[in-house]
C-alpha atoms as a PDB file:
ATOM      1  CA  UNK A   1     135.701  92.403  97.012  1.00  0.00           C
ATOM      2  CA  UNK A   2     136.617  95.853  98.848  1.00  0.00           C
ATOM      3  CA  UNK A   3     133.940  97.980 100.864  1.00  0.00           C
ATOM      4  CA  UNK A   4     133.341 101.311  99.774  1.00  0.00           C
ATOM      5  CA  UNK A   5     135.361 104.182 101.150  1.00  0.00           C
ATOM      6  CA  UNK A   6     133.625 105.962 103.909  1.00  0.00           C
ATOM      7  CA  UNK A   7     134.402 109.305 102.209  1.00  0.00           C
ATOM      8  CA  UNK A   8     131.957 108.421  99.183  1.00  0.00           C
ATOM      9  CA  UNK A   9     129.270 106.984 101.251  1.00  0.00           C
ATOM     10  CA  UNK A  10     128.811 109.965 103.634  1.00  0.00           C
ATOM     11  CA  UNK A  11     128.074 112.546 100.601  1.00  0.00           C
ATOM     12  CA  UNK A  12     125.878 110.063  98.828  1.00  0.00           C
ATOM     13  CA  UNK A  13     123.786 109.434 102.097  1.00  0.00           C
ATOM     14  CA  UNK A  14     123.705 113.176 102.554  1.00  0.00           C
ATOM     15  CA  UNK A  15     121.958 113.664  99.172  1.00  0.00           C
ATOM     16  CA  UNK A  16     119.665 111.044  99.691  1.00  0.00           C
ATOM     17  CA  UNK A  17     118.663 112.630 102.890  1.00  0.00           C
ATOM     18  CA  UNK A  18     118.170 115.966 101.198  1.00  0.00           C
ATOM     19  CA  UNK A  19     116.070 114.723  98.655  1.00  0.00           C
ATOM     20  CA  UNK A  20     113.582 112.925 101.109  1.00  0.00           C
ATOM     21  CA  UNK A  21     113.334 116.069 102.945  1.00  0.00           C
ATOM     22  CA  UNK A  22     112.807 118.270  99.695  1.00  0.00           C
ATOM     23  CA  UNK A  23     109.979 115.915  98.651  1.00  0.00           C
ATOM     24  CA  UNK A  24     108.398 115.857 101.767  1.00  0.00           C
ATOM     25  CA  UNK A  25     108.270 119.632 102.026  1.00  0.00           C
ATOM     26  CA  UNK A  26     106.845 119.874  98.257  1.00  0.00           C
ATOM     27  CA  UNK A  27     103.890 117.211  99.312  1.00  0.00           C
ATOM     28  CA  UNK A  28     102.730 119.891 101.713  1.00  0.00           C
ATOM     29  CA  UNK A  29     102.320 122.728  99.173  1.00  0.00           C
ATOM     30  CA  UNK A  30      99.318 123.035  97.184  1.00  0.00           C
ATOM     31  CA  UNK A  31      99.077 122.226  93.440  1.00  0.00           C
ATOM     32  CA  UNK A  32      99.546 125.142  91.112  1.00  0.00           C
ATOM     33  CA  UNK A  33      97.461 125.252  87.832  1.00  0.00           C
ATOM     34  CA  UNK A  34      98.331 128.206  85.432  1.00  0.00           C
ATOM     35  CA  UNK A  35      95.490 129.883  84.000  1.00  0.00           C
ATOM     36  CA  UNK A  36      95.739 132.407  81.230  1.00  0.00           C
ATOM     37  CA  UNK A  37      92.812 135.325  80.393  1.00  0.00           C
ATOM     38  CA  UNK A  38      92.612 137.027  77.261  1.00  0.00           C
ATOM     39  CA  UNK A  39      89.929 138.232  75.304  1.00  0.00           C
ATOM     40  CA  UNK A  40      87.498 136.121  75.203  1.00  0.00           C
ATOM     41  CA  UNK A  41      88.588 132.922  76.984  1.00  0.00           C
ATOM     42  CA  UNK A  42      90.426 131.572  79.814  1.00  0.00           C
ATOM     43  CA  UNK A  43      92.879 128.813  78.805  1.00  0.00           C
ATOM     44  CA  UNK A  44      92.539 126.228  79.854  1.00  0.00           C
ATOM     45  CA  UNK A  45      88.859 126.457  79.735  1.00  0.00           C
ATOM     46  CA  UNK A  46      87.985 123.418  82.013  1.00  0.00           C
ATOM     47  CA  UNK A  47      90.012 122.056  85.083  1.00  0.00           C
ATOM     48  CA  UNK A  48      89.429 119.415  87.462  1.00  0.00           C
ATOM     49  CA  UNK A  49      90.463 119.591  91.153  1.00  0.00           C
ATOM     50  CA  UNK A  50      89.655 117.208  93.792  1.00  0.00           C
ATOM     51  CA  UNK A  51      87.423 117.861  96.981  1.00  0.00           C
ATOM     52  CA  UNK A  52      88.993 118.770 100.148  1.00  0.00           C
ATOM     53  CA  UNK A  53      92.674 119.572  98.539  1.00  0.00           C
ATOM     54  CA  UNK A  54      94.256 122.907  98.420  1.00  0.00           C
ATOM     55  CA  UNK A  55      94.954 124.187  94.948  1.00  0.00           C
ATOM     56  CA  UNK A  56      96.485 127.348  93.860  1.00  0.00           C
ATOM     57  CA  UNK A  57      95.228 129.022  90.676  1.00  0.00           C
ATOM     58  CA  UNK A  58      98.160 131.220  89.243  1.00  0.00           C
ATOM     59  CA  UNK A  59      95.933 133.945  86.873  1.00  0.00           C
ATOM     60  CA  UNK A  60      97.544 136.029  84.234  1.00  0.00           C
ATOM     61  CA  UNK A  61      96.047 138.523  81.556  1.00  0.00           C
ATOM     62  CA  UNK A  62      97.470 138.630  78.157  1.00  0.00           C
ATOM     63  CA  UNK A  63      95.689 141.682  77.232  1.00  0.00           C
ATOM     64  CA  UNK A  64      93.305 143.642  79.099  1.00  0.00           C
ATOM     65  CA  UNK A  65      92.130 143.574  82.858  1.00  0.00           C
ATOM     66  CA  UNK A  66      89.712 140.667  83.216  1.00  0.00           C
ATOM     67  CA  UNK A  67      87.790 139.388  86.422  1.00  0.00           C
ATOM     68  CA  UNK A  68      87.687 135.767  87.738  1.00  0.00           C
ATOM     69  CA  UNK A  69      84.525 135.425  89.649  1.00  0.00           C
ATOM     70  CA  UNK A  70      82.834 132.210  91.250  1.00  0.00           C
ATOM     71  CA  UNK A  71      81.096 132.927  94.415  1.00  0.00           C
ATOM     72  CA  UNK A  72      80.267 129.450  95.722  1.00  0.00           C
ATOM     73  CA  UNK A  73      83.972 128.708  95.531  1.00  0.00           C
ATOM     74  CA  UNK A  74      84.784 132.073  97.184  1.00  0.00           C
ATOM     75  CA  UNK A  75      86.672 133.474  94.015  1.00  0.00           C
ATOM     76  CA  UNK A  76      86.707 137.234  93.275  1.00  0.00           C
ATOM     77  CA  UNK A  77      89.702 138.325  91.743  1.00  0.00           C
ATOM     78  CA  UNK A  78      91.055 141.103  89.260  1.00  0.00           C
ATOM     79  CA  UNK A  79      93.568 139.909  86.717  1.00  0.00           C
ATOM     80  CA  UNK A  80      95.861 142.784  85.676  1.00  0.00           C
ATOM     81  CA  UNK A  81      97.653 142.579  82.428  1.00  0.00           C
ATOM     82  CA  UNK A  82     101.256 142.003  82.906  1.00  0.00           C
ATOM     83  CA  UNK A  83     100.784 140.562  86.495  1.00  0.00           C
ATOM     84  CA  UNK A  84      99.886 137.431  87.974  1.00  0.00           C
ATOM     85  CA  UNK A  85      97.883 136.695  90.934  1.00  0.00           C
ATOM     86  CA  UNK A  86      97.525 133.530  92.969  1.00  0.00           C
ATOM     87  CA  UNK A  87      93.958 132.302  94.176  1.00  0.00           C
ATOM     88  CA  UNK A  88      94.098 129.616  96.390  1.00  0.00           C
ATOM     89  CA  UNK A  89      91.021 127.567  97.444  1.00  0.00           C
ATOM     90  CA  UNK A  90      90.158 124.272  99.148  1.00  0.00           C
ATOM     91  CA  UNK A  91      86.857 123.157  97.365  1.00  0.00           C
ATOM     92  CA  UNK A  92      84.390 121.103  99.865  1.00  0.00           C
ATOM     93  CA  UNK A  93      81.480 120.326  97.566  1.00  0.00           C
ATOM     94  CA  UNK A  94      81.775 118.343  94.372  1.00  0.00           C
ATOM     95  CA  UNK A  95      80.361 119.540  91.234  1.00  0.00           C
ATOM     96  CA  UNK A  96      80.658 121.745  88.046  1.00  0.00           C
ATOM     97  CA  UNK A  97      81.189 125.199  88.551  1.00  0.00           C
ATOM     98  CA  UNK A  98      81.105 128.033  86.065  1.00  0.00           C
ATOM     99  CA  UNK A  99      84.011 131.103  86.628  1.00  0.00           C
ATOM    100  CA  UNK A 100      82.833 134.267  84.560  1.00  0.00           C
ATOM    101  CA  UNK A 101      84.915 137.356  83.687  1.00  0.00           C
ATOM    102  CA  UNK A 102      83.105 140.112  85.557  1.00  0.00           C
ATOM    103  CA  UNK A 103      84.868 143.040  84.206  1.00  0.00           C
ATOM    104  CA  UNK A 104      83.933 144.246  80.722  1.00  0.00           C
ATOM    105  CA  UNK A 105      86.764 143.428  78.369  1.00  0.00           C
ATOM    106  CA  UNK A 106      84.893 144.136  75.047  1.00  0.00           C
ATOM    107  CA  UNK A 107      82.291 142.745  72.793  1.00  0.00           C
ATOM    108  CA  UNK A 108      82.749 138.792  73.462  1.00  0.00           C
ATOM    109  CA  UNK A 109      82.732 139.328  77.227  1.00  0.00           C
ATOM    110  CA  UNK A 110      79.457 137.586  77.863  1.00  0.00           C
ATOM    111  CA  UNK A 111      81.055 134.579  76.575  1.00  0.00           C
ATOM    112  CA  UNK A 112      84.195 134.496  78.516  1.00  0.00           C
ATOM    113  CA  UNK A 113      83.864 131.915  81.122  1.00  0.00           C
ATOM    114  CA  UNK A 114      85.592 128.545  82.333  1.00  0.00           C
ATOM    115  CA  UNK A 115      84.611 125.499  84.248  1.00  0.00           C
ATOM    116  CA  UNK A 116      86.224 124.168  87.478  1.00  0.00           C
ATOM    117  CA  UNK A 117      84.980 120.447  87.853  1.00  0.00           C
ATOM    118  CA  UNK A 118      85.282 119.550  91.925  1.00  0.00           C
ATOM    119  CA  UNK A 119      85.456 115.638  92.137  1.00  0.00           C
END
């Protein structure tokens, strides 16, 4: 059996090294969770995150300006239509937290909330 040519081994080795470096750099980045706001709901309506792990919530509005407020988690954001906003947090205390829309967005505004579960 002949040995593989060195000219084929080096590019393959370079690809393996790049893949390892790429996955290692992504490992340090926070998880991104997409959340959509529209009258009168957040989608998804419930998410679960781990205590001590950093997560980025990517918020978008499909219609009008909405608020995204949860004081114990340090969240107080305005979601403008047609734009996205990132909110990064590292929850420290396990529990169930209710996020509310704190910008009046119509008759069903009082029912617009979502739950963040911290495990």
